[in-house]
């Protein structure tokens, strides 16, 4: 069963400020799930993301998703 973390828990785990975590989630730079108005994070996914040195994520359908494709 996945361990779901709050923004506060993840901030403590990563030693970052909660606002930074929220900004990264909004920007798609960290794997996150938005439930209503709050962000949640799967610890296993975060650990894998850190371990692989995964580049920033871009959400499908986001403003960023199509950047670089146009000339």
PDB file of N, CA and C in Angstrom:
ATOM      1  N   UNK A   1       0.844  -1.181   0.000  1.00  0.00           N
ATOM      2  CA  UNK A   1       0.000   0.000   0.000  1.00  0.00           C
ATOM      3  C   UNK A   1       0.892   1.249   0.000  1.00  0.00           C
ATOM      4  N   UNK A   2       0.598   2.205  -0.867  1.00  0.00           N
ATOM      5  CA  UNK A   2       1.444   3.399  -0.954  1.00  0.00           C
ATOM      6  C   UNK A   2       1.341   4.272   0.302  1.00  0.00           C
ATOM      7  N   UNK A   3       2.464   4.876   0.640  1.00  0.00           N
ATOM      8  CA  UNK A   3       2.480   5.830   1.745  1.00  0.00           C
ATOM      9  C   UNK A   3       2.302   7.214   1.138  1.00  0.00           C
ATOM     10  N   UNK A   4       1.181   7.828   1.422  1.00  0.00           N
ATOM     11  CA  UNK A   4       0.862   9.145   0.870  1.00  0.00           C
ATOM     12  C   UNK A   4       1.286  10.201   1.886  1.00  0.00           C
ATOM     13  N   UNK A   5       2.028  11.190   1.387  1.00  0.00           N
ATOM     14  CA  UNK A   5       2.558  12.238   2.251  1.00  0.00           C
ATOM     15  C   UNK A   5       1.876  13.568   1.956  1.00  0.00           C
ATOM     16  N   UNK A   6       1.748  14.396   2.984  1.00  0.00           N
ATOM     17  CA  UNK A   6       1.246  15.747   2.818  1.00  0.00           C
ATOM     18  C   UNK A   6       2.399  16.648   2.393  1.00  0.00           C
ATOM     19  N   UNK A   7       2.073  17.871   2.058  1.00  0.00           N
ATOM     20  CA  UNK A   7       3.099  18.850   1.695  1.00  0.00           C
ATOM     21  C   UNK A   7       4.060  19.063   2.867  1.00  0.00           C
ATOM     22  N   UNK A   8       3.517  19.163   4.049  1.00  0.00           N
ATOM     23  CA  UNK A   8       4.334  19.377   5.251  1.00  0.00           C
ATOM     24  C   UNK A   8       5.279  18.199   5.489  1.00  0.00           C
ATOM     25  N   UNK A   9       4.762  16.984   5.358  1.00  0.00           N
ATOM     26  CA  UNK A   9       5.587  15.792   5.555  1.00  0.00           C
ATOM     27  C   UNK A   9       6.698  15.705   4.510  1.00  0.00           C
ATOM     28  N   UNK A  10       6.352  15.988   3.261  1.00  0.00           N
ATOM     29  CA  UNK A  10       7.358  15.923   2.194  1.00  0.00           C
ATOM     30  C   UNK A  10       8.411  17.013   2.361  1.00  0.00           C
ATOM     31  N   UNK A  11       7.988  18.192   2.776  1.00  0.00           N
ATOM     32  CA  UNK A  11       8.939  19.284   3.007  1.00  0.00           C
ATOM     33  C   UNK A  11       9.956  18.885   4.076  1.00  0.00           C
ATOM     34  N   UNK A  12       9.488  18.263   5.115  1.00  0.00           N
ATOM     35  CA  UNK A  12      10.391  17.805   6.176  1.00  0.00           C
ATOM     36  C   UNK A  12      11.310  16.703   5.647  1.00  0.00           C
ATOM     37  N   UNK A  13      10.750  15.775   4.886  1.00  0.00           N
ATOM     38  CA  UNK A  13      11.503  14.650   4.334  1.00  0.00           C
ATOM     39  C   UNK A  13      12.613  15.128   3.387  1.00  0.00           C
ATOM     40  N   UNK A  14      12.298  16.122   2.538  1.00  0.00           N
ATOM     41  CA  UNK A  14      13.265  16.625   1.560  1.00  0.00           C
ATOM     42  C   UNK A  14      14.074  17.813   2.077  1.00  0.00           C
ATOM     43  N   UNK A  15      13.734  18.270   3.278  1.00  0.00           N
ATOM     44  CA  UNK A  15      14.402  19.434   3.876  1.00  0.00           C
ATOM     45  C   UNK A  15      14.262  20.668   2.992  1.00  0.00           C
ATOM     46  N   UNK A  16      13.025  20.890   2.542  1.00  0.00           N
ATOM     47  CA  UNK A  16      12.669  22.065   1.760  1.00  0.00           C
ATOM     48  C   UNK A  16      11.506  22.771   2.450  1.00  0.00           C
ATOM     49  N   UNK A  17      11.253  23.994   2.066  1.00  0.00           N
ATOM     50  CA  UNK A  17      10.126  24.740   2.611  1.00  0.00           C
ATOM     51  C   UNK A  17       8.833  24.248   1.960  1.00  0.00           C
ATOM     52  N   UNK A  18       7.730  24.291   2.698  1.00  0.00           N
ATOM     53  CA  UNK A  18       6.443  23.854   2.165  1.00  0.00           C
ATOM     54  C   UNK A  18       6.048  24.635   0.912  1.00  0.00           C
ATOM     55  N   UNK A  19       6.331  25.917   0.895  1.00  0.00           N
ATOM     56  CA  UNK A  19       5.997  26.740  -0.273  1.00  0.00           C
ATOM     57  C   UNK A  19       6.772  26.262  -1.498  1.00  0.00           C
ATOM     58  N   UNK A  20       8.028  25.880  -1.307  1.00  0.00           N
ATOM     59  CA  UNK A  20       8.842  25.358  -2.413  1.00  0.00           C
ATOM     60  C   UNK A  20       8.223  24.073  -2.959  1.00  0.00           C
ATOM     61  N   UNK A  21       7.793  23.203  -2.069  1.00  0.00           N
ATOM     62  CA  UNK A  21       7.149  21.949  -2.485  1.00  0.00           C
ATOM     63  C   UNK A  21       5.905  22.259  -3.320  1.00  0.00           C
ATOM     64  N   UNK A  22       5.079  23.186  -2.852  1.00  0.00           N
ATOM     65  CA  UNK A  22       3.860  23.546  -3.587  1.00  0.00           C
ATOM     66  C   UNK A  22       4.194  24.135  -4.959  1.00  0.00           C
ATOM     67  N   UNK A  23       5.181  25.014  -5.021  1.00  0.00           N
ATOM     68  CA  UNK A  23       5.586  25.599  -6.299  1.00  0.00           C
ATOM     69  C   UNK A  23       6.057  24.528  -7.256  1.00  0.00           C
ATOM     70  N   UNK A  24       6.895  23.606  -6.774  1.00  0.00           N
ATOM     71  CA  UNK A  24       7.390  22.524  -7.624  1.00  0.00           C
ATOM     72  C   UNK A  24       6.242  21.647  -8.122  1.00  0.00           C
ATOM     73  N   UNK A  25       5.261  21.391  -7.268  1.00  0.00           N
ATOM     74  CA  UNK A  25       4.116  20.572  -7.670  1.00  0.00           C
ATOM     75  C   UNK A  25       3.319  21.279  -8.766  1.00  0.00           C
ATOM     76  N   UNK A  26       3.062  22.562  -8.595  1.00  0.00           N
ATOM     77  CA  UNK A  26       2.319  23.336  -9.588  1.00  0.00           C
ATOM     78  C   UNK A  26       3.065  23.361 -10.920  1.00  0.00           C
ATOM     79  N   UNK A  27       4.385  23.500 -10.862  1.00  0.00           N
ATOM     80  CA  UNK A  27       5.211  23.569 -12.067  1.00  0.00           C
ATOM     81  C   UNK A  27       5.441  22.199 -12.705  1.00  0.00           C
ATOM     82  N   UNK A  28       5.063  21.132 -12.028  1.00  0.00           N
ATOM     83  CA  UNK A  28       5.282  19.791 -12.555  1.00  0.00           C
ATOM     84  C   UNK A  28       6.710  19.317 -12.374  1.00  0.00           C
ATOM     85  N   UNK A  29       7.457  19.953 -11.462  1.00  0.00           N
ATOM     86  CA  UNK A  29       8.862  19.606 -11.246  1.00  0.00           C
ATOM     87  C   UNK A  29       9.037  18.455 -10.261  1.00  0.00           C
ATOM     88  N   UNK A  30       7.962  18.076  -9.584  1.00  0.00           N
ATOM     89  CA  UNK A  30       8.016  16.983  -8.617  1.00  0.00           C
ATOM     90  C   UNK A  30       6.740  16.150  -8.795  1.00  0.00           C
ATOM     91  N   UNK A  31       6.838  14.825  -8.721  1.00  0.00           N
ATOM     92  CA  UNK A  31       5.639  13.995  -8.895  1.00  0.00           C
ATOM     93  C   UNK A  31       4.630  14.260  -7.783  1.00  0.00           C
ATOM     94  N   UNK A  32       3.422  14.636  -8.164  1.00  0.00           N
ATOM     95  CA  UNK A  32       2.401  15.004  -7.187  1.00  0.00           C
ATOM     96  C   UNK A  32       1.011  14.682  -7.702  1.00  0.00           C
ATOM     97  N   UNK A  33       0.089  14.591  -6.756  1.00  0.00           N
ATOM     98  CA  UNK A  33      -1.321  14.370  -7.059  1.00  0.00           C
ATOM     99  C   UNK A  33      -2.084  15.489  -6.368  1.00  0.00           C
ATOM    100  N   UNK A  34      -2.959  16.153  -7.101  1.00  0.00           N
ATOM    101  CA  UNK A  34      -3.768  17.197  -6.487  1.00  0.00           C
ATOM    102  C   UNK A  34      -5.145  16.630  -6.196  1.00  0.00           C
ATOM    103  N   UNK A  35      -5.537  16.743  -4.941  1.00  0.00           N
ATOM    104  CA  UNK A  35      -6.855  16.284  -4.508  1.00  0.00           C
ATOM    105  C   UNK A  35      -7.576  17.518  -3.969  1.00  0.00           C
ATOM    106  N   UNK A  36      -8.515  17.997  -4.740  1.00  0.00           N
ATOM    107  CA  UNK A  36      -9.187  19.244  -4.357  1.00  0.00           C
ATOM    108  C   UNK A  36      -8.193  20.388  -4.400  1.00  0.00           C
ATOM    109  N   UNK A  37      -7.992  21.024  -3.255  1.00  0.00           N
ATOM    110  CA  UNK A  37      -7.067  22.156  -3.180  1.00  0.00           C
ATOM    111  C   UNK A  37      -5.737  21.802  -2.538  1.00  0.00           C
ATOM    112  N   UNK A  38      -5.510  20.529  -2.248  1.00  0.00           N
ATOM    113  CA  UNK A  38      -4.269  20.135  -1.569  1.00  0.00           C
ATOM    114  C   UNK A  38      -3.457  19.165  -2.417  1.00  0.00           C
ATOM    115  N   UNK A  39      -2.157  19.179  -2.207  1.00  0.00           N
ATOM    116  CA  UNK A  39      -1.242  18.280  -2.906  1.00  0.00           C
ATOM    117  C   UNK A  39      -0.929  17.092  -2.024  1.00  0.00           C
ATOM    118  N   UNK A  40      -0.781  15.930  -2.655  1.00  0.00           N
ATOM    119  CA  UNK A  40      -0.362  14.711  -1.966  1.00  0.00           C
ATOM    120  C   UNK A  40       0.751  14.076  -2.784  1.00  0.00           C
ATOM    121  N   UNK A  41       1.611  13.328  -2.094  1.00  0.00           N
ATOM    122  CA  UNK A  41       2.809  12.772  -2.710  1.00  0.00           C
ATOM    123  C   UNK A  41       2.971  11.320  -2.274  1.00  0.00           C
ATOM    124  N   UNK A  42       3.232  10.445  -3.243  1.00  0.00           N
ATOM    125  CA  UNK A  42       3.472   9.033  -2.958  1.00  0.00           C
ATOM    126  C   UNK A  42       4.963   8.879  -2.644  1.00  0.00           C
ATOM    127  N   UNK A  43       5.276   8.441  -1.428  1.00  0.00           N
ATOM    128  CA  UNK A  43       6.665   8.345  -0.978  1.00  0.00           C
ATOM    129  C   UNK A  43       7.486   7.445  -1.891  1.00  0.00           C
ATOM    130  N   UNK A  44       6.934   6.326  -2.327  1.00  0.00           N
ATOM    131  CA  UNK A  44       7.671   5.414  -3.216  1.00  0.00           C
ATOM    132  C   UNK A  44       8.022   6.094  -4.542  1.00  0.00           C
ATOM    133  N   UNK A  45       7.097   6.865  -5.084  1.00  0.00           N
ATOM    134  CA  UNK A  45       7.337   7.576  -6.339  1.00  0.00           C
ATOM    135  C   UNK A  45       8.398   8.653  -6.134  1.00  0.00           C
ATOM    136  N   UNK A  46       8.324   9.361  -5.013  1.00  0.00           N
ATOM    137  CA  UNK A  46       9.316  10.397  -4.698  1.00  0.00           C
ATOM    138  C   UNK A  46      10.698   9.764  -4.550  1.00  0.00           C
ATOM    139  N   UNK A  47      10.783   8.640  -3.827  1.00  0.00           N
ATOM    140  CA  UNK A  47      12.075   7.970  -3.646  1.00  0.00           C
ATOM    141  C   UNK A  47      12.652   7.505  -4.987  1.00  0.00           C
ATOM    142  N   UNK A  48      11.806   6.971  -5.842  1.00  0.00           N
ATOM    143  CA  UNK A  48      12.258   6.529  -7.168  1.00  0.00           C
ATOM    144  C   UNK A  48      12.720   7.736  -7.989  1.00  0.00           C
ATOM    145  N   UNK A  49      11.955   8.812  -7.944  1.00  0.00           N
ATOM    146  CA  UNK A  49      12.280  10.046  -8.665  1.00  0.00           C
ATOM    147  C   UNK A  49      13.634  10.591  -8.224  1.00  0.00           C
ATOM    148  N   UNK A  50      13.887  10.576  -6.923  1.00  0.00           N
ATOM    149  CA  UNK A  50      15.172  11.039  -6.389  1.00  0.00           C
ATOM    150  C   UNK A  50      16.290  10.087  -6.821  1.00  0.00           C
ATOM    151  N   UNK A  51      16.072   8.791  -6.665  1.00  0.00           N
ATOM    152  CA  UNK A  51      17.080   7.785  -6.974  1.00  0.00           C
ATOM    153  C   UNK A  51      17.511   7.771  -8.423  1.00  0.00           C
ATOM    154  N   UNK A  52      16.580   8.060  -9.308  1.00  0.00           N
ATOM    155  CA  UNK A  52      16.889   8.040 -10.735  1.00  0.00           C
ATOM    156  C   UNK A  52      17.422   9.378 -11.229  1.00  0.00           C
ATOM    157  N   UNK A  53      17.369  10.384 -10.374  1.00  0.00           N
ATOM    158  CA  UNK A  53      17.791  11.702 -10.833  1.00  0.00           C
ATOM    159  C   UNK A  53      16.908  12.176 -11.970  1.00  0.00           C
ATOM    160  N   UNK A  54      15.626  11.848 -11.873  1.00  0.00           N
ATOM    161  CA  UNK A  54      14.665  12.137 -12.911  1.00  0.00           C
ATOM    162  C   UNK A  54      14.595  13.624 -13.216  1.00  0.00           C
ATOM    163  N   UNK A  55      14.631  13.991 -14.492  1.00  0.00           N
ATOM    164  CA  UNK A  55      14.469  15.402 -14.841  1.00  0.00           C
ATOM    165  C   UNK A  55      13.067  15.877 -14.473  1.00  0.00           C
ATOM    166  N   UNK A  56      12.843  17.183 -14.438  1.00  0.00           N
ATOM    167  CA  UNK A  56      11.525  17.706 -14.075  1.00  0.00           C
ATOM    168  C   UNK A  56      10.421  17.103 -14.929  1.00  0.00           C
ATOM    169  N   UNK A  57       9.293  16.855 -14.309  1.00  0.00           N
ATOM    170  CA  UNK A  57       8.136  16.299 -14.996  1.00  0.00           C
ATOM    171  C   UNK A  57       7.332  17.419 -15.633  1.00  0.00           C
ATOM    172  N   UNK A  58       6.706  17.130 -16.750  1.00  0.00           N
ATOM    173  CA  UNK A  58       5.799  18.066 -17.390  1.00  0.00           C
ATOM    174  C   UNK A  58       4.461  17.350 -17.524  1.00  0.00           C
ATOM    175  N   UNK A  59       3.431  17.931 -16.952  1.00  0.00           N
ATOM    176  CA  UNK A  59       2.107  17.326 -16.993  1.00  0.00           C
ATOM    177  C   UNK A  59       1.536  17.435 -18.403  1.00  0.00           C
ATOM    178  N   UNK A  60       0.917  16.371 -18.868  1.00  0.00           N
ATOM    179  CA  UNK A  60       0.251  16.399 -20.165  1.00  0.00           C
ATOM    180  C   UNK A  60      -0.862  17.431 -20.109  1.00  0.00           C
ATOM    181  N   UNK A  61      -0.963  18.231 -21.137  1.00  0.00           N
ATOM    182  CA  UNK A  61      -2.005  19.242 -21.189  1.00  0.00           C
ATOM    183  C   UNK A  61      -1.625  20.547 -20.519  1.00  0.00           C
ATOM    184  N   UNK A  62      -0.444  20.606 -19.908  1.00  0.00           N
ATOM    185  CA  UNK A  62      -0.023  21.844 -19.258  1.00  0.00           C
ATOM    186  C   UNK A  62       0.522  22.819 -20.289  1.00  0.00           C
ATOM    187  N   UNK A  63       0.676  24.073 -19.889  1.00  0.00           N
ATOM    188  CA  UNK A  63       1.219  25.097 -20.779  1.00  0.00           C
ATOM    189  C   UNK A  63       2.628  24.721 -21.227  1.00  0.00           C
ATOM    190  N   UNK A  64       3.381  24.054 -20.367  1.00  0.00           N
ATOM    191  CA  UNK A  64       4.772  23.707 -20.634  1.00  0.00           C
ATOM    192  C   UNK A  64       4.907  22.535 -21.605  1.00  0.00           C
ATOM    193  N   UNK A  65       3.892  21.687 -21.700  1.00  0.00           N
ATOM    194  CA  UNK A  65       3.994  20.440 -22.452  1.00  0.00           C
ATOM    195  C   UNK A  65       4.366  20.641 -23.913  1.00  0.00           C
ATOM    196  N   UNK A  66       3.893  21.701 -24.530  1.00  0.00           N
ATOM    197  CA  UNK A  66       4.162  21.910 -25.948  1.00  0.00           C
ATOM    198  C   UNK A  66       5.357  22.778 -26.240  1.00  0.00           C
ATOM    199  N   UNK A  67       6.010  23.287 -25.234  1.00  0.00           N
ATOM    200  CA  UNK A  67       7.146  24.201 -25.449  1.00  0.00           C
ATOM    201  C   UNK A  67       8.289  23.481 -26.139  1.00  0.00           C
ATOM    202  N   UNK A  68       8.928  24.203 -27.031  1.00  0.00           N
ATOM    203  CA  UNK A  68      10.077  23.655 -27.732  1.00  0.00           C
ATOM    204  C   UNK A  68       9.713  22.937 -29.017  1.00  0.00           C
ATOM    205  N   UNK A  69       8.462  22.585 -29.179  1.00  0.00           N
ATOM    206  CA  UNK A  69       8.042  21.861 -30.376  1.00  0.00           C
ATOM    207  C   UNK A  69       7.746  22.818 -31.534  1.00  0.00           C
ATOM    208  N   UNK A  70       7.441  24.061 -31.208  1.00  0.00           N
ATOM    209  CA  UNK A  70       7.110  25.022 -32.257  1.00  0.00           C
ATOM    210  C   UNK A  70       8.331  25.791 -32.715  1.00  0.00           C
ATOM    211  N   UNK A  71       8.324  26.166 -33.996  1.00  0.00           N
ATOM    212  CA  UNK A  71       9.408  26.994 -34.539  1.00  0.00           C
ATOM    213  C   UNK A  71       8.850  28.148 -35.294  1.00  0.00           C
TER     214      UNK A  71
END
